[in-house]
Amino acid sequence: QVQLVESGGGLVQPGGSLRLSCAASGVIFRVDFMGWYRQALGKQRELVAAIRSGGNTNYADSVKGRFTISRDNAKNTVYLQMNSLRPEDTAVYFCNVVDGIRVTNFWGQGTQVTVSS
């Protein structure tokens, strides 16, 4: 029932910006967590940014000051604004939503972000 649809990935040069969007459809009883993970080639998947039910945000140290996570509750959409992009930001980015009632993770399909000159 629940589907996360991502958009906004692509190719950008170092120092550029991208905005990722993730729209959730279907019923989520209680959204405890919305966030973005990424997985670079040859590396483990890591949490990039998260926004929790209380509104608090968390960021990986590597993206602090450059990335901003936000959400539109009316549209059940989470965004990741990525500025000052670096080649090491190159990865597949995944949207994740946690339903705290069903204790269930929902994942997007992943969107490729490539930062290269």
Protein backbone atom coordinates (compact mmCIF):
# COMPACT_ATOMS: atom_id res chain seq x y z
CA GLN A 1 0.00 0.00 0.00
CA VAL A 2 2.72 2.46 0.92
CA GLN A 3 4.95 3.69 -1.83
CA LEU A 4 7.74 6.24 -1.70
CA VAL A 5 8.42 8.03 -4.96
CA GLU A 6 11.72 9.85 -5.24
CA SER A 7 12.83 12.48 -7.67
CA GLY A 8 15.51 15.10 -8.12
CA GLY A 9 18.65 13.07 -8.54
CA GLY A 10 21.07 13.62 -11.36
CA LEU A 11 24.47 14.84 -12.38
CA VAL A 12 25.88 18.03 -10.92
CA GLN A 13 29.32 19.58 -10.82
CA PRO A 14 31.19 20.16 -7.56
CA GLY A 15 29.81 23.12 -5.67
CA GLY A 16 26.41 22.73 -7.24
CA SER A 17 23.06 21.96 -5.70
CA LEU A 18 20.29 19.42 -5.99
CA ARG A 19 16.96 19.02 -4.26
CA LEU A 20 15.65 15.54 -3.69
CA SER A 21 11.98 14.89 -3.09
CA CYS A 22 10.24 11.84 -1.69
CA ALA A 23 6.47 11.63 -1.72
CA ALA A 24 4.75 8.95 0.33
CA SER A 25 1.45 7.51 -0.79
CA GLY A 26 -0.79 5.11 1.06
CA VAL A 27 -1.59 4.97 4.74
CA ILE A 28 1.10 5.52 7.31
CA PHE A 29 -0.43 5.40 10.76
CA ARG A 30 2.24 7.36 12.55
CA VAL A 31 5.27 8.82 10.87
CA ASP A 32 7.98 8.65 13.49
CA PHE A 33 10.85 9.15 11.11
CA MET A 34 11.51 10.47 7.64
CA GLY A 35 15.01 10.48 6.33
CA TRP A 36 17.53 10.06 3.61
CA TYR A 37 20.20 7.42 3.39
CA ARG A 38 22.88 7.02 0.79
CA GLN A 39 25.10 4.25 -0.40
CA ALA A 40 28.24 5.01 -2.33
CA LEU A 41 29.98 2.45 -4.47
CA GLY A 42 31.84 0.02 -2.26
CA LYS A 43 30.53 1.53 0.96
CA GLN A 44 27.86 0.76 3.52
CA ARG A 45 24.55 2.54 3.48
CA GLU A 46 24.62 5.50 5.82
CA LEU A 47 22.10 7.90 7.26
CA VAL A 48 22.49 11.32 5.69
CA ALA A 49 19.70 13.31 7.29
CA ALA A 50 16.59 12.66 9.32
CA ILE A 51 13.62 14.57 10.59
CA ARG A 52 11.71 13.01 13.44
CA SER A 53 8.19 13.27 14.78
CA GLY A 54 9.12 16.04 17.18
CA GLY A 55 10.67 18.07 14.39
CA ASN A 56 14.26 17.51 15.39
CA THR A 57 16.74 16.97 12.61
CA ASN A 58 19.96 15.02 12.46
CA TYR A 59 22.73 15.07 9.91
CA ALA A 60 25.78 13.06 9.17
CA ASP A 61 28.91 14.98 10.06
CA SER A 62 30.00 14.96 6.45
CA VAL A 63 26.96 16.94 5.31
CA LYS A 64 26.35 19.31 8.21
CA GLY A 65 26.05 22.86 7.02
CA ARG A 66 25.51 21.78 3.43
CA PHE A 67 22.36 19.65 3.44
CA THR A 68 18.94 20.52 4.82
CA ILE A 69 16.09 18.11 5.37
CA SER A 70 12.52 19.35 5.47
CA ARG A 71 9.02 18.02 5.05
CA ASP A 72 5.61 19.04 3.87
CA ASN A 73 3.14 17.24 6.10
CA ALA A 74 0.16 18.09 3.91
CA LYS A 75 1.80 16.35 0.97
CA ASN A 76 3.53 13.73 3.10
CA THR A 77 6.73 14.61 1.32
CA VAL A 78 10.27 14.89 2.57
CA TYR A 79 12.96 16.92 0.85
CA LEU A 80 16.70 17.02 0.93
CA GLN A 81 18.29 20.25 -0.21
CA MET A 82 21.91 19.55 -1.05
CA ASN A 83 24.27 22.48 -1.49
CA SER A 84 28.01 22.74 -1.99
CA LEU A 85 28.07 19.23 -3.36
CA ARG A 86 31.32 17.32 -3.39
CA PRO A 87 32.43 14.32 -5.40
CA GLU A 88 32.30 12.23 -2.25
CA ASP A 89 28.56 12.91 -2.09
CA THR A 90 28.17 10.69 -5.12
CA ALA A 91 25.87 7.83 -4.14
CA VAL A 92 22.47 6.33 -4.52
CA TYR A 93 20.14 8.17 -2.18
CA PHE A 94 17.23 6.36 -0.57
CA CYS A 95 14.18 7.81 1.11
CA ASN A 96 13.03 6.09 4.29
CA VAL A 97 9.87 6.44 6.35
CA VAL A 98 9.12 4.65 9.60
CA ASP A 99 5.59 3.85 10.67
CA GLY A 100 5.80 3.81 14.44
CA ILE A 101 2.46 2.05 14.90
CA ARG A 102 3.15 -0.83 12.54
CA VAL A 103 6.87 -0.71 13.31
CA THR A 104 7.60 -0.85 9.62
CA ASN A 105 10.20 0.69 7.37
CA PHE A 106 9.29 1.91 3.92
CA TRP A 107 11.97 2.60 1.35
CA GLY A 108 12.13 4.46 -1.90
CA GLN A 109 13.66 2.94 -4.99
CA GLY A 110 16.80 5.02 -4.77
CA THR A 111 17.94 7.90 -6.92
CA GLN A 112 21.44 8.40 -8.25
CA VAL A 113 23.34 11.54 -7.37
CA THR A 114 26.60 12.03 -9.20
CA VAL A 115 28.90 14.93 -8.41
CA SER A 116 31.61 15.28 -11.00
CA SER A 117 33.41 17.92 -13.00
